[in-house]
């Protein structure tokens, strides 16, 4: 029994080790899965955006990857706690979520001119100005289907032959070095969603935004797998949209910086893609950002809990010079008015000093 368990860990965790040898400096955490290209090719995940919907019984994760590199195909493997349903996601989802959670824009005025304001703007008289800068025994392969450009297989985590056979059939090699990062998933008998990624154009490489994938599974809690990121060699960043009945936040930082909430509130007017994911129930959106300066310290998955439904939205300020009328700087009016008053008082004082005292006659 111990030998079988060891063989399971060896095969499964080898997949994760391959990720480390093949990824090209990923800037964002590929927390939900390992991206595995051919041995001679390279692929990097520039950004992984994840949206999670949880209704208390079912969890749905939608992921969109932005990748670069020279890989013409890759395998992507995600651990899940129960049997998963896999579909293509709506590409409009993340654009809609981004608009719903975008910061509130406010102006913040200042009095004295700064660099870029007259007379410090260095204007050459042509009127041109710079524009402002704008997450027992196995049963083998339990399901397989074609979704657009993706070949999707659902595999059991406890059968090492299922994972190994699937990778070999699709031309992916296992590395020699091993890791124990997936031990918790094997012990809990989680399963895997394994996806073969390949461009539809012959000879093309995987580049840019890939079609989103939507994975749904039964879950009594909202959990977001993060352990795979602990073997990353560069700092990682997690961005996560959470749709649930209440505001949701991680129970702990799991080895990273404290998670930051950048938006929390009820969704009043969702777009069609958000509404389709959220269902017909009122829903709240929580947007989380988290930095992992030392990925090797990641010691758990994210388990999210319900917290008080306190709304929050970031505010972005645009600093503007305080003006009146047709754009006249207030400082100029103030300084100019002050100088004018000073000049008037000076003239009046001079006249008084040079004038004759009132009521006194000159001698005859």
Protein backbone atom coordinates (compact mmCIF):
# COMPACT_ATOMS: atom_id res chain seq x y z
CA UNK A 1 0.00 0.00 0.00
CA UNK A 2 2.82 2.37 0.92
CA UNK A 3 4.56 1.59 -2.37
CA UNK A 4 1.42 2.37 -4.34
CA UNK A 5 0.97 5.66 -2.52
CA UNK A 6 4.57 6.58 -3.19
CA UNK A 7 4.18 5.73 -6.86
CA UNK A 8 1.07 7.93 -7.03
CA UNK A 9 2.89 10.88 -5.47
CA UNK A 10 5.91 10.37 -7.70
CA UNK A 11 3.90 10.47 -10.90
CA UNK A 12 1.55 13.30 -9.98
CA UNK A 13 4.07 15.61 -8.37
CA UNK A 14 6.40 15.10 -11.30
CA UNK A 15 3.90 17.05 -13.36
CA UNK A 16 4.39 20.02 -11.10
CA UNK A 17 8.15 19.76 -11.29
CA UNK A 18 7.89 19.94 -15.06
CA UNK A 19 6.04 23.21 -14.74
CA UNK A 20 8.99 24.77 -12.93
CA UNK A 21 11.46 23.71 -15.56
CA UNK A 22 9.32 24.91 -18.44
CA UNK A 23 7.66 28.18 -17.42
CA UNK A 24 9.31 31.39 -18.57
CA UNK A 25 9.28 33.83 -15.64
CA UNK A 26 5.52 33.92 -14.99
CA UNK A 27 4.39 37.25 -13.56
CA UNK A 28 1.10 35.95 -12.22
CA UNK A 29 0.29 32.92 -10.11
CA UNK A 30 -0.96 29.94 -12.05
CA UNK A 31 -2.59 28.88 -8.81
CA UNK A 32 -5.32 26.72 -10.25
CA UNK A 33 -3.16 24.57 -12.46
CA UNK A 34 0.17 23.53 -13.94
CA UNK A 35 0.96 24.61 -17.52
CA UNK A 36 3.12 21.92 -19.16
CA UNK A 37 4.57 22.41 -22.69
CA UNK A 38 6.68 20.02 -24.73
CA UNK A 39 10.12 19.45 -23.21
CA UNK A 40 11.93 21.50 -25.86
CA UNK A 41 9.46 24.41 -25.78
CA UNK A 42 8.73 27.22 -23.37
CA UNK A 43 5.52 28.89 -22.26
CA UNK A 44 4.96 31.70 -19.77
CA UNK A 45 1.76 32.86 -18.13
CA UNK A 46 1.74 36.66 -18.26
CA UNK A 47 -1.54 36.85 -16.39
CA UNK A 48 -4.17 34.48 -15.06
CA UNK A 49 -7.56 35.98 -14.30
CA UNK A 50 -9.97 33.88 -12.24
CA UNK A 51 -13.62 34.43 -11.43
CA UNK A 52 -15.25 32.18 -8.83
CA UNK A 53 -18.98 31.70 -8.23
CA UNK A 54 -20.12 29.79 -5.15
CA UNK A 55 -23.76 29.31 -4.11
CA UNK A 56 -23.11 27.18 -1.01
CA UNK A 57 -23.17 23.86 -2.88
CA UNK A 58 -21.47 24.31 -6.25
CA UNK A 59 -18.29 26.18 -7.12
CA UNK A 60 -17.61 27.44 -10.63
CA UNK A 61 -14.18 28.72 -11.62
CA UNK A 62 -13.66 30.59 -14.89
CA UNK A 63 -10.05 31.19 -15.96
CA UNK A 64 -8.54 33.24 -18.74
CA UNK A 65 -4.81 32.97 -19.46
CA UNK A 66 -2.58 35.42 -21.27
CA UNK A 67 0.51 33.51 -22.36
CA UNK A 68 3.73 33.94 -24.31
CA UNK A 69 6.54 31.71 -25.49
CA UNK A 70 7.25 29.36 -28.38
CA UNK A 71 5.04 26.42 -27.38
CA UNK A 72 2.79 25.09 -30.13
CA UNK A 73 0.83 23.08 -27.58
CA UNK A 74 0.69 22.56 -23.84
CA UNK A 75 -1.10 20.54 -21.20
CA UNK A 76 -2.87 22.31 -18.35
CA UNK A 77 -3.83 20.36 -15.22
CA UNK A 78 -6.05 21.64 -12.41
CA UNK A 79 -6.85 19.81 -9.14
CA UNK A 80 -10.53 19.71 -8.13
CA UNK A 81 -12.16 18.22 -5.01
CA UNK A 82 -14.93 16.37 -6.90
CA UNK A 83 -16.06 15.34 -10.37
CA UNK A 84 -15.93 18.40 -12.63
CA UNK A 85 -18.04 19.70 -15.49
CA UNK A 86 -15.92 21.60 -18.05
CA UNK A 87 -17.16 24.11 -20.62
CA UNK A 88 -15.87 27.08 -22.56
CA UNK A 89 -16.21 30.40 -20.75
CA UNK A 90 -17.56 33.70 -22.06
CA UNK A 91 -14.70 35.99 -23.17
CA UNK A 92 -16.77 39.04 -22.15
CA UNK A 93 -16.92 37.99 -18.49
CA UNK A 94 -13.71 39.62 -17.28
CA UNK A 95 -14.32 42.85 -19.15
CA UNK A 96 -17.72 43.14 -17.47
CA UNK A 97 -16.28 42.35 -14.03
CA UNK A 98 -13.54 44.91 -14.56
CA UNK A 99 -16.09 47.61 -15.36
CA UNK A 100 -18.22 46.73 -12.32
CA UNK A 101 -15.23 46.95 -9.97
CA UNK A 102 -13.39 49.88 -11.51
CA UNK A 103 -12.32 52.60 -9.04
CA UNK A 104 -14.39 55.72 -8.49
CA UNK A 105 -12.86 58.75 -10.20
CA UNK A 106 -12.56 62.00 -8.24
CA UNK A 107 -10.78 65.31 -8.81
CA UNK A 108 -8.41 66.66 -6.15
CA UNK A 109 -7.43 70.31 -6.53
CA UNK A 110 -4.20 72.02 -5.55
CA UNK A 111 -3.45 75.74 -5.26
CA UNK A 112 0.17 76.38 -6.25
CA UNK A 113 1.36 75.44 -9.78
CA UNK A 114 3.38 72.29 -10.23
CA UNK A 115 5.62 70.96 -12.97
CA UNK A 116 3.55 70.89 -16.13
CA UNK A 117 1.48 73.95 -15.10
CA UNK A 118 2.20 77.46 -16.32
CA UNK A 119 4.78 78.93 -15.84
CA UNK A 120 6.60 75.58 -15.35
CA UNK A 121 5.13 73.76 -18.34
CA UNK A 122 7.91 74.58 -20.81
CA UNK A 123 5.26 75.34 -23.45
CA UNK A 124 6.91 76.15 -26.80
CA UNK A 125 3.86 78.05 -28.00
CA UNK A 126 2.39 75.36 -30.27
CA UNK A 127 -0.41 74.59 -27.82
CA UNK A 128 0.55 70.88 -27.52
CA UNK A 129 0.41 69.30 -24.09
CA UNK A 130 1.25 65.82 -22.88
CA UNK A 131 -1.77 63.62 -22.20
CA UNK A 132 -2.10 62.30 -18.64
CA UNK A 133 -1.41 58.58 -18.14
CA UNK A 134 -4.59 57.16 -18.37
CA UNK A 135 -6.30 32.95 -8.92
CA UNK A 136 -8.10 3.93 -2.84
CA UNK A 137 -7.79 2.99 -6.47
CA UNK A 138 -8.43 5.18 -9.41
CA UNK A 139 -10.82 4.73 -12.29
CA UNK A 140 -8.53 6.38 -14.85
CA UNK A 141 -10.00 8.66 -17.48
CA UNK A 142 -13.58 9.33 -16.43
CA UNK A 143 -14.51 11.64 -19.27
CA UNK A 144 -13.13 13.20 -22.44
CA UNK A 145 -14.51 15.82 -24.80
CA UNK A 146 -13.58 18.44 -27.37
CA UNK A 147 -14.34 22.09 -26.50
CA UNK A 148 -13.38 24.46 -29.30
CA UNK A 149 -9.56 24.37 -29.47
CA UNK A 150 -9.30 22.34 -26.24
CA UNK A 151 -9.09 18.60 -25.74
CA UNK A 152 -10.45 18.09 -22.20
CA UNK A 153 -9.96 14.94 -20.13
CA UNK A 154 -11.22 14.38 -16.59
CA UNK A 155 -8.88 12.15 -14.63
CA UNK A 156 -8.80 10.69 -11.15
CA UNK A 157 -5.98 11.89 -8.94
CA UNK A 158 -5.41 8.53 -7.30
CA UNK A 159 -4.50 6.63 -10.47
CA UNK A 160 -0.90 7.40 -11.51
CA UNK A 161 -1.29 5.47 -14.75
CA UNK A 162 -4.21 7.67 -15.87
CA UNK A 163 -2.18 10.85 -15.61
CA UNK A 164 0.96 9.32 -17.07
CA UNK A 165 -0.85 7.64 -19.96
CA UNK A 166 -2.76 10.81 -20.83
CA UNK A 167 0.42 12.90 -20.93
CA UNK A 168 2.32 10.35 -22.98
CA UNK A 169 -0.57 9.95 -25.42
CA UNK A 170 -0.53 13.70 -25.95
CA UNK A 171 3.26 13.88 -26.33
CA UNK A 172 4.29 15.35 -22.99
CA UNK A 173 7.24 13.92 -21.08
CA UNK A 174 7.60 13.53 -17.33
CA UNK A 175 10.70 15.05 -15.68
CA UNK A 176 13.03 13.11 -13.44
CA UNK A 177 12.92 15.38 -10.41
CA UNK A 178 10.02 15.02 -8.01
CA UNK A 179 8.13 17.17 -5.51
CA UNK A 180 5.66 16.63 -2.69
CA UNK A 181 3.56 19.72 -3.41
CA UNK A 182 0.53 17.69 -4.49
CA UNK A 183 0.59 15.33 -1.51
CA UNK A 184 -2.48 16.98 0.14
CA UNK A 185 -4.55 16.55 -3.05
CA UNK A 186 -3.64 12.88 -3.34
CA UNK A 187 -4.39 12.21 0.33
CA UNK A 188 -7.81 13.85 -0.03
CA UNK A 189 -8.40 11.92 -3.28
CA UNK A 190 -9.03 14.97 -5.40
CA UNK A 191 -9.40 14.59 -9.15
CA UNK A 192 -7.91 16.48 -12.07
CA UNK A 193 -9.10 18.32 -15.10
CA UNK A 194 -6.46 17.84 -17.81
CA UNK A 195 -6.66 20.02 -20.91
CA UNK A 196 -4.62 19.84 -24.09
CA UNK A 197 -4.15 23.39 -25.43
CA UNK A 198 -3.33 23.87 -29.10
CA UNK A 199 -4.01 26.70 -31.58
CA UNK A 200 -6.48 25.89 -34.31
CA UNK A 201 -4.08 27.26 -36.96
CA UNK A 202 -1.50 24.69 -38.01
CA UNK A 203 2.02 25.55 -36.82
CA UNK A 204 0.90 28.50 -34.70
CA UNK A 205 2.16 29.05 -31.16
CA UNK A 206 0.17 29.63 -27.99
CA UNK A 207 0.21 33.38 -27.60
CA UNK A 208 -1.95 36.13 -26.14
CA UNK A 209 -5.33 35.59 -24.51
CA UNK A 210 -6.62 32.03 -24.62
CA UNK A 211 -10.32 31.17 -24.67
CA UNK A 212 -11.61 31.07 -21.05
CA UNK A 213 -12.33 27.70 -19.48
CA UNK A 214 -15.20 27.18 -17.05
CA UNK A 215 -14.87 24.38 -14.49
CA UNK A 216 -17.72 23.55 -12.08
CA UNK A 217 -17.71 21.04 -9.21
CA UNK A 218 -19.57 20.29 -5.99
CA UNK A 219 -18.03 21.89 -2.91
CA UNK A 220 -19.34 22.56 0.59
CA UNK A 221 -16.88 25.46 0.97
CA UNK A 222 -15.32 28.04 -1.31
CA UNK A 223 -11.78 26.83 -1.94
CA UNK A 224 -9.28 28.14 -4.47
CA UNK A 225 -6.30 25.81 -5.09
CA UNK A 226 -2.99 27.64 -4.58
CA UNK A 227 -0.45 24.99 -3.56
CA UNK A 228 0.93 24.60 -7.07
CA UNK A 229 2.33 28.13 -6.93
CA UNK A 230 4.64 27.30 -4.03
CA UNK A 231 7.27 25.94 -6.43
CA UNK A 232 7.40 29.08 -8.56
CA UNK A 233 10.82 30.67 -8.82
CA UNK A 234 9.61 34.27 -9.11
CA UNK A 235 7.25 36.40 -6.97
CA UNK A 236 3.60 35.68 -7.75
CA UNK A 237 0.44 37.79 -7.83
CA UNK A 238 -3.11 36.55 -7.44
CA UNK A 239 -6.14 38.41 -8.78
CA UNK A 240 -9.52 36.90 -7.94
CA UNK A 241 -13.15 37.90 -8.58
CA UNK A 242 -15.52 36.20 -6.13
CA UNK A 243 -19.29 36.08 -6.71
CA UNK A 244 -21.28 34.83 -3.72
CA UNK A 245 -24.27 35.63 -1.53
CA UNK A 246 -22.04 37.64 0.81
CA UNK A 247 -18.66 39.31 0.87
CA UNK A 248 -15.97 36.61 0.94
CA UNK A 249 -12.37 36.87 2.13
CA UNK A 250 -9.53 34.35 2.65
CA UNK A 251 -9.20 32.86 6.13
CA UNK A 252 -5.42 33.42 6.10
CA UNK A 253 -2.67 34.80 3.83
CA UNK A 254 -1.31 31.21 3.32
CA UNK A 255 2.28 32.46 3.21
CA UNK A 256 1.82 35.62 1.15
CA UNK A 257 1.20 39.25 1.92
CA UNK A 258 -2.14 40.16 3.44
CA UNK A 259 -4.89 39.85 0.78
CA UNK A 260 -6.19 43.25 -0.29
CA UNK A 261 -9.85 43.88 -1.10
CA UNK A 262 -10.09 46.34 -3.99
CA UNK A 263 -13.88 46.12 -4.39
CA UNK A 264 -16.80 44.74 -2.41
CA UNK A 265 -20.46 45.38 -3.11
CA UNK A 266 -23.78 44.19 -4.47
CA UNK A 267 -24.04 43.83 -8.22
CA UNK A 268 -27.01 45.93 -9.29
CA UNK A 269 -26.72 45.87 -13.08
CA UNK A 270 -24.60 42.93 -14.20
CA UNK A 271 -23.76 42.40 -17.82
CA UNK A 272 -25.02 39.33 -19.63
CA UNK A 273 -21.87 37.26 -18.97
CA UNK A 274 -21.83 38.10 -15.24
CA UNK A 275 -25.58 37.46 -14.95
CA UNK A 276 -25.20 34.07 -16.62
CA UNK A 277 -22.48 33.08 -14.15
CA UNK A 278 -24.22 34.55 -11.09
CA UNK A 279 -27.62 33.00 -11.81
CA UNK A 280 -30.98 34.47 -10.82
CA UNK A 281 -30.06 35.22 -7.19
CA UNK A 282 -28.81 38.55 -5.79
CA UNK A 283 -25.04 38.38 -5.64
CA UNK A 284 -22.14 40.30 -4.19
CA UNK A 285 -18.79 40.76 -5.84
CA UNK A 286 -15.50 40.75 -3.92
CA UNK A 287 -12.28 41.51 -5.79
CA UNK A 288 -9.04 40.34 -4.17
CA UNK A 289 -5.41 41.07 -4.94
CA UNK A 290 -2.51 39.36 -3.18
CA UNK A 291 1.26 39.37 -3.55
CA UNK A 292 3.48 36.34 -2.89
CA UNK A 293 7.06 37.67 -2.67
CA UNK A 294 8.26 34.24 -1.49
CA UNK A 295 6.11 31.57 -3.22
CA UNK A 296 7.90 28.76 -1.40
CA UNK A 297 6.10 29.88 1.78
CA UNK A 298 2.64 29.04 0.37
CA UNK A 299 1.37 26.34 2.73
CA UNK A 300 -2.32 25.86 1.85
CA UNK A 301 -5.12 26.53 -0.60
CA UNK A 302 -7.25 29.61 -0.14
CA UNK A 303 -10.33 28.79 1.96
CA UNK A 304 -12.69 31.75 1.81
CA UNK A 305 -15.21 32.68 4.48
CA UNK A 306 -18.22 34.98 4.77
CA UNK A 307 -17.54 38.37 6.39
CA UNK A 308 -19.65 41.48 7.03
CA UNK A 309 -21.20 42.88 3.83
CA UNK A 310 -19.40 46.21 4.14
CA UNK A 311 -19.22 47.85 0.71
CA UNK A 312 -15.89 49.15 -0.54
CA UNK A 313 -14.64 50.77 -3.72
CA UNK A 314 -11.21 52.19 -4.42
CA UNK A 315 -10.97 55.88 -5.28
CA UNK A 316 -8.54 57.20 -7.87
CA UNK A 317 -7.79 60.91 -7.63
CA UNK A 318 -6.81 63.18 -10.51
CA UNK A 319 -4.87 66.20 -9.28
CA UNK A 320 -5.96 69.41 -11.00
CA UNK A 321 -4.84 73.01 -10.61
CA UNK A 322 -7.55 75.08 -8.91
CA UNK A 323 -9.07 77.46 -11.49
CA UNK A 324 -12.08 79.73 -11.94
CA UNK A 325 -13.93 81.22 -14.88
CA UNK A 326 -12.43 80.16 -18.17
CA UNK A 327 -9.60 78.27 -16.55
CA UNK A 328 -7.81 81.14 -14.83
CA UNK A 329 -5.59 79.79 -12.02
CA UNK A 330 -6.77 80.89 -8.60
CA UNK A 331 -3.18 81.36 -7.46
CA UNK A 332 -2.62 83.85 -10.28
CA UNK A 333 -5.68 85.87 -9.29
CA UNK A 334 -4.67 85.75 -5.65
CA UNK A 335 -1.06 86.75 -6.25
CA UNK A 336 -2.02 89.32 -8.88
CA UNK A 337 -4.72 90.77 -6.66
CA UNK A 338 -2.30 90.91 -3.75
CA UNK A 339 0.32 92.70 -5.83
CA UNK A 340 -2.30 95.17 -7.11
CA UNK A 341 -3.47 95.95 -3.58
CA UNK A 342 0.11 96.35 -2.44
CA UNK A 343 0.75 98.78 -5.28
CA UNK A 344 -2.38 100.79 -4.46
CA UNK A 345 -1.39 101.05 -0.80
CA UNK A 346 2.11 102.10 -1.82
CA UNK A 347 0.78 104.87 -4.08
CA UNK A 348 -1.62 106.08 -1.42
CA UNK A 349 1.14 106.15 1.18
CA UNK A 350 3.40 108.10 -1.13
CA UNK A 351 0.72 110.67 -1.77
CA UNK A 352 0.14 111.11 1.92
CA UNK A 353 3.82 111.66 2.59
CA UNK A 354 4.18 114.24 -0.18
CA UNK A 355 0.84 116.11 0.42
CA UNK A 356 0.03 119.12 2.68
CA UNK A 357 -1.69 118.51 6.02
CA UNK A 358 -5.36 119.41 5.74
CA UNK A 359 -6.57 122.65 7.51
CA UNK A 360 -3.09 124.37 7.62
CA UNK A 361 -2.54 127.61 5.60
CA UNK A 362 0.75 128.48 4.02
CA UNK A 363 2.41 131.69 5.50
CA UNK A 364 1.93 134.89 3.46
